Amino acid sequence: MKIDVIGCGSAFSKIHNTSSVRIEDKHKNQWLIDCGPTVPRALWQRHTDINAIQAIYFTHIHPDHCSGLAALINQWKSMQRTQALDIFCQKEQQEPLESLVALAVWPERHVCFEIRWHEIEEDFQWRHWSIKTALTQHEMANRAIRLTIDDRHFFYSGDGRPTPESEALMLNTDLAFQECAAFHSLPKEASHGDLPDCLRLLARSNLNKLGLYHCFDEALPQIRQSITNEPRLFLSQDGQTFDLT
């Protein structure tokens, strides 16, 4: 399994792309997790083939996680994509995403490739991939995801503070990414993660590597300095790649 960090930034970051990762297995199957406004350009800069991404998984549909869908679908339509696309989302969040697809081709109504919509379940399969999901604590329903591919395990939180259910998905992973918006502790009822909570999470887990991402720009210097002596913690960066094979 290979992971390409398309973006690691928070919603209004001036220095990073909005948060997204691309997953690829040894058979060249590819998923994109989230597609905020700066993600399409980052994919184009990588010269990503129009048929390469076979599925998009939306942790939730705040604009910094989904608004790039219209631009990406528009490019694929313009370049005559032929590969079918699977879109995974929560049922109640599908209609706004369908509106973005409609915007991508307006005033036409036809997309030149098949789009298959799937409701996210707690446990499901895609080809030979095993996927588990769980809600985090966020102002909009957000489903963290654990991918198991060829005996390798990857966790990606999407937005929100960890919950017992999302923490369980992190266990025994080869690599995990947890949203960590703030350096200082946020209220327990907050909608975002923070560094003290991530440190507690690391202390009570067996995580090999925990990447912190979706950090507020102003929190980055303090977070970076505070984790220099913690070998299992790292700050995610745009363009980082990981090979878990």
Protein backbone atom coordinates (compact mmCIF):
# COMPACT_ATOMS: atom_id res chain seq x y z
CA MET A 1 0.00 0.00 0.00
CA LYS A 2 1.28 3.43 -0.96
CA ILE A 3 0.00 6.68 0.52
CA ASP A 4 0.43 10.07 -1.14
CA VAL A 5 -0.43 13.09 1.02
CA ILE A 6 -2.20 15.42 -1.40
CA GLY A 7 -2.76 17.98 1.34
CA CYS A 8 -2.45 18.30 5.11
CA GLY A 9 -3.90 21.75 5.77
CA SER A 10 -6.87 23.02 7.72
CA ALA A 11 -9.89 24.56 6.03
CA PHE A 12 -8.42 28.03 5.54
CA SER A 13 -4.71 27.25 5.46
CA LYS A 14 -2.58 29.71 3.51
CA ILE A 15 0.44 27.38 3.37
CA HIS A 16 -0.92 23.89 2.72
CA ASN A 17 -3.43 22.19 0.46
CA THR A 18 -6.67 21.12 2.08
CA SER A 19 -6.40 17.69 3.67
CA SER A 20 -6.56 14.67 1.38
CA VAL A 21 -4.66 11.45 0.71
CA ARG A 22 -4.43 9.11 -2.25
CA ILE A 23 -4.13 5.36 -1.62
CA GLU A 24 -2.70 2.91 -4.16
CA ASP A 25 -2.25 -0.85 -3.95
CA LYS A 26 0.15 -3.11 -5.85
CA HIS A 27 -2.46 -3.60 -8.59
CA LYS A 28 -2.65 0.17 -9.21
CA ASN A 29 -6.12 0.44 -7.67
CA GLN A 30 -6.45 3.98 -6.34
CA TRP A 31 -8.70 5.78 -3.88
CA LEU A 32 -8.86 9.46 -3.07
CA ILE A 33 -9.95 10.36 0.46
CA ASP A 34 -11.62 13.79 0.48
CA CYS A 35 -11.44 16.40 -2.26
CA GLY A 36 -11.28 19.99 -1.02
CA PRO A 37 -10.78 23.08 -3.21
CA THR A 38 -7.01 22.75 -3.70
CA VAL A 39 -6.94 18.99 -4.29
CA PRO A 40 -7.69 18.94 -8.05
CA ARG A 41 -4.76 21.23 -8.84
CA ALA A 42 -2.44 19.08 -6.72
CA LEU A 43 -3.56 16.01 -8.66
CA TRP A 44 -3.03 17.79 -11.97
CA GLN A 45 0.45 18.83 -10.87
CA ARG A 46 1.17 15.12 -10.33
CA HIS A 47 0.00 14.39 -13.90
CA THR A 48 -2.54 11.97 -12.48
CA ASP A 49 -4.18 10.01 -15.30
CA ILE A 50 -7.87 10.81 -15.69
CA ASN A 51 -8.80 7.14 -15.19
CA ALA A 52 -6.38 6.38 -12.35
CA ILE A 53 -8.59 7.20 -9.35
CA GLN A 54 -11.30 4.58 -9.14
CA ALA A 55 -13.04 5.73 -5.97
CA ILE A 56 -13.47 8.81 -3.79
CA TYR A 57 -14.28 8.44 -0.09
CA PHE A 58 -15.71 11.47 1.70
CA THR A 59 -15.16 11.51 5.45
CA HIS A 60 -17.74 14.32 5.54
CA ILE A 61 -18.78 17.21 3.33
CA HIS A 62 -17.56 20.42 4.88
CA PRO A 63 -16.37 22.48 1.88
CA ASP A 64 -12.67 21.95 2.62
CA HIS A 65 -13.27 18.23 2.18
CA CYS A 66 -15.58 18.14 -0.84
CA SER A 67 -15.78 21.37 -2.84
CA GLY A 68 -13.04 20.28 -5.25
CA LEU A 69 -15.28 17.51 -6.58
CA ALA A 70 -16.90 19.80 -9.16
CA ALA A 71 -13.55 20.87 -10.63
CA LEU A 72 -12.21 17.31 -10.69
CA ILE A 73 -15.32 15.87 -12.36
CA ASN A 74 -15.26 18.76 -14.85
CA GLN A 75 -11.67 17.95 -15.81
CA TRP A 76 -12.43 14.26 -16.16
CA LYS A 77 -15.44 15.07 -18.36
CA SER A 78 -13.43 17.50 -20.48
CA MET A 79 -10.66 14.93 -20.97
CA GLN A 80 -13.16 12.14 -21.70
CA ARG A 81 -12.66 9.83 -18.76
CA THR A 82 -14.02 6.33 -19.41
CA GLN A 83 -13.40 4.50 -16.10
CA ALA A 84 -16.40 4.14 -13.77
CA LEU A 85 -16.10 6.01 -10.46
CA ASP A 86 -17.26 4.78 -7.06
CA ILE A 87 -18.18 7.52 -4.58
CA PHE A 88 -18.53 6.58 -0.92
CA CYS A 89 -20.39 8.99 1.35
CA GLN A 90 -22.91 9.09 4.16
CA LYS A 91 -26.46 8.76 2.88
CA GLU A 92 -27.62 12.13 4.18
CA GLN A 93 -24.59 13.81 2.58
CA GLN A 94 -25.09 12.39 -0.92
CA GLU A 95 -27.49 15.04 -2.25
CA PRO A 96 -25.06 17.99 -1.86
CA LEU A 97 -22.35 15.92 -3.54
CA GLU A 98 -24.71 15.13 -6.41
CA SER A 99 -25.21 18.89 -6.78
CA LEU A 100 -21.45 19.33 -7.18
CA VAL A 101 -21.43 16.67 -9.90
CA ALA A 102 -24.32 18.46 -11.62
CA LEU A 103 -22.41 21.74 -11.44
CA ALA A 104 -19.38 20.07 -13.00
CA VAL A 105 -21.23 19.31 -16.24
CA TRP A 106 -23.85 22.10 -16.32
CA PRO A 107 -25.64 23.08 -18.54
CA GLU A 108 -25.27 19.54 -19.82
CA ARG A 109 -26.76 16.75 -17.77
CA HIS A 110 -24.70 13.79 -18.90
CA VAL A 111 -21.41 12.65 -17.41
CA CYS A 112 -19.33 10.66 -19.89
CA PHE A 113 -18.47 7.96 -17.34
CA GLU A 114 -20.49 5.96 -14.84
CA ILE A 115 -20.71 7.21 -11.25
CA ARG A 116 -21.76 4.64 -8.67
CA TRP A 117 -22.90 5.97 -5.30
CA HIS A 118 -22.36 3.92 -2.14
CA GLU A 119 -23.52 4.57 1.41
CA ILE A 120 -20.65 4.25 3.88
CA GLU A 121 -21.11 1.28 6.20
CA GLU A 122 -19.23 0.36 9.35
CA ASP A 123 -17.61 -2.65 7.69
CA PHE A 124 -17.43 -3.34 3.96
CA GLN A 125 -15.27 -4.61 1.09
CA TRP A 126 -14.06 -3.01 -2.12
CA ARG A 127 -12.34 -5.51 -4.38
CA HIS A 128 -9.75 -7.10 -2.07
CA TRP A 129 -9.67 -4.11 0.30
CA SER A 130 -11.27 -4.37 3.74
CA ILE A 131 -12.69 -1.13 5.12
CA LYS A 132 -13.96 -0.23 8.57
CA THR A 133 -15.35 3.17 9.57
CA ALA A 134 -16.42 4.96 12.75
CA LEU A 135 -17.77 8.33 13.77
CA THR A 136 -15.51 10.94 15.32
CA GLN A 137 -16.67 13.87 17.47
CA HIS A 138 -17.31 16.61 14.92
CA GLU A 139 -20.00 19.21 14.26
CA MET A 140 -20.98 17.30 11.12
CA ALA A 141 -21.10 13.51 11.01
CA ASN A 142 -17.57 12.45 10.04
CA ARG A 143 -16.54 8.85 9.45
CA ALA A 144 -12.92 7.94 10.13
CA ILE A 145 -11.64 5.07 8.00
CA ARG A 146 -9.34 2.07 8.43
CA LEU A 147 -8.11 0.40 5.24
CA THR A 148 -6.61 -3.10 5.22
CA ILE A 149 -4.86 -3.93 1.96
CA ASP A 150 -2.49 -6.87 1.47
CA ASP A 151 -2.03 -7.28 5.25
CA ARG A 152 -1.18 -3.61 5.76
CA HIS A 153 -3.35 -1.29 7.83
CA PHE A 154 -3.88 2.47 7.44
CA PHE A 155 -6.10 4.79 9.50
CA TYR A 156 -7.30 8.26 8.54
CA SER A 157 -9.48 10.23 10.92
CA GLY A 158 -11.05 12.90 8.78
CA ASP A 159 -12.11 15.77 11.05
CA GLY A 160 -12.95 15.62 14.73
CA ARG A 161 -11.79 14.48 18.14
CA PRO A 162 -11.19 10.75 18.62
CA THR A 163 -14.03 8.64 19.97
CA PRO A 164 -13.70 5.18 21.53
CA GLU A 165 -14.95 3.78 18.23
CA SER A 166 -12.45 5.67 16.07
CA GLU A 167 -9.62 4.88 18.49
CA ALA A 168 -10.41 1.18 18.13
CA LEU A 169 -9.85 1.47 14.38
CA MET A 170 -6.34 2.83 15.00
CA LEU A 171 -5.14 -0.23 16.92
CA ASN A 172 -2.43 -2.32 15.26
CA THR A 173 -2.15 -0.06 12.23
CA ASP A 174 1.07 0.43 10.29
CA LEU A 175 0.32 4.14 9.90
CA ALA A 176 -2.37 6.42 11.33
CA PHE A 177 -3.33 10.04 10.64
CA GLN A 178 -5.22 12.02 13.28
CA GLU A 179 -6.63 15.52 12.91
CA CYS A 180 -4.91 17.86 15.38
CA ALA A 181 -6.14 21.40 14.88
CA ALA A 182 -4.76 23.08 17.99
CA PHE A 183 -1.63 23.14 20.15
CA HIS A 184 -3.48 23.90 23.38
CA SER A 185 -6.25 21.80 24.89
CA LEU A 186 -9.71 22.45 23.48
CA PRO A 187 -12.93 21.87 25.45
CA LYS A 188 -13.95 18.21 25.65
CA GLU A 189 -17.04 18.99 23.60
CA ALA A 190 -14.95 20.63 20.84
CA SER A 191 -15.28 19.63 17.21
CA HIS A 192 -11.54 19.32 16.54
CA GLY A 193 -8.55 17.47 17.96
CA ASP A 194 -5.63 19.01 19.85
CA LEU A 195 -2.05 18.06 20.70
CA PRO A 196 -2.60 17.12 24.38
CA ASP A 197 -5.37 14.73 23.35
CA CYS A 198 -3.18 13.23 20.61
CA LEU A 199 -0.35 12.72 23.11
CA ARG A 200 -2.74 10.91 25.46
CA LEU A 201 -3.93 8.82 22.55
CA LEU A 202 -0.37 7.86 21.68
CA ALA A 203 0.47 6.98 25.30
CA ARG A 204 -2.40 4.51 25.64
CA SER A 205 -2.00 2.88 22.23
CA ASN A 206 0.42 0.67 20.36
CA LEU A 207 0.60 2.90 17.31
CA ASN A 208 3.74 2.58 15.21
CA LYS A 209 3.44 6.01 13.61
CA LEU A 210 0.90 8.76 14.16
CA GLY A 211 0.78 11.65 11.71
CA LEU A 212 -0.81 14.91 12.85
CA TYR A 213 -2.61 16.90 10.18
CA HIS A 214 -5.32 19.51 9.56
CA CYS A 215 -3.48 21.77 12.02
CA PHE A 216 -4.31 25.46 12.19
CA ASP A 217 -1.46 27.41 10.54
CA GLU A 218 -0.79 29.38 13.71
CA ALA A 219 -0.43 26.18 15.77
CA LEU A 220 2.14 24.51 13.54
CA PRO A 221 5.37 26.02 14.99
CA GLN A 222 4.49 25.02 18.56
CA ILE A 223 3.28 21.56 17.55
CA ARG A 224 6.41 20.97 15.49
CA GLN A 225 8.70 21.99 18.34
CA SER A 226 6.81 19.95 20.93
CA ILE A 227 7.01 16.62 19.10
CA THR A 228 10.68 16.66 18.07
CA ASN A 229 11.59 14.11 20.75
CA GLU A 230 8.65 11.80 20.15
CA PRO A 231 9.75 9.29 17.46
CA ARG A 232 6.25 7.92 16.89
CA LEU A 233 4.75 11.34 16.13
CA PHE A 234 5.24 13.43 13.01
CA LEU A 235 3.67 16.42 11.32
CA SER A 236 2.14 15.60 7.97
CA GLN A 237 3.31 17.59 4.94
CA ASP A 238 1.93 18.12 1.46
CA GLY A 239 3.65 15.71 -0.91
CA GLN A 240 4.74 13.18 1.72
CA THR A 241 4.67 9.60 0.50
CA PHE A 242 4.66 6.34 2.43
CA ASP A 243 5.23 2.81 1.15
CA LEU A 244 3.82 0.21 3.54
CA THR A 245 4.60 -2.80 1.35
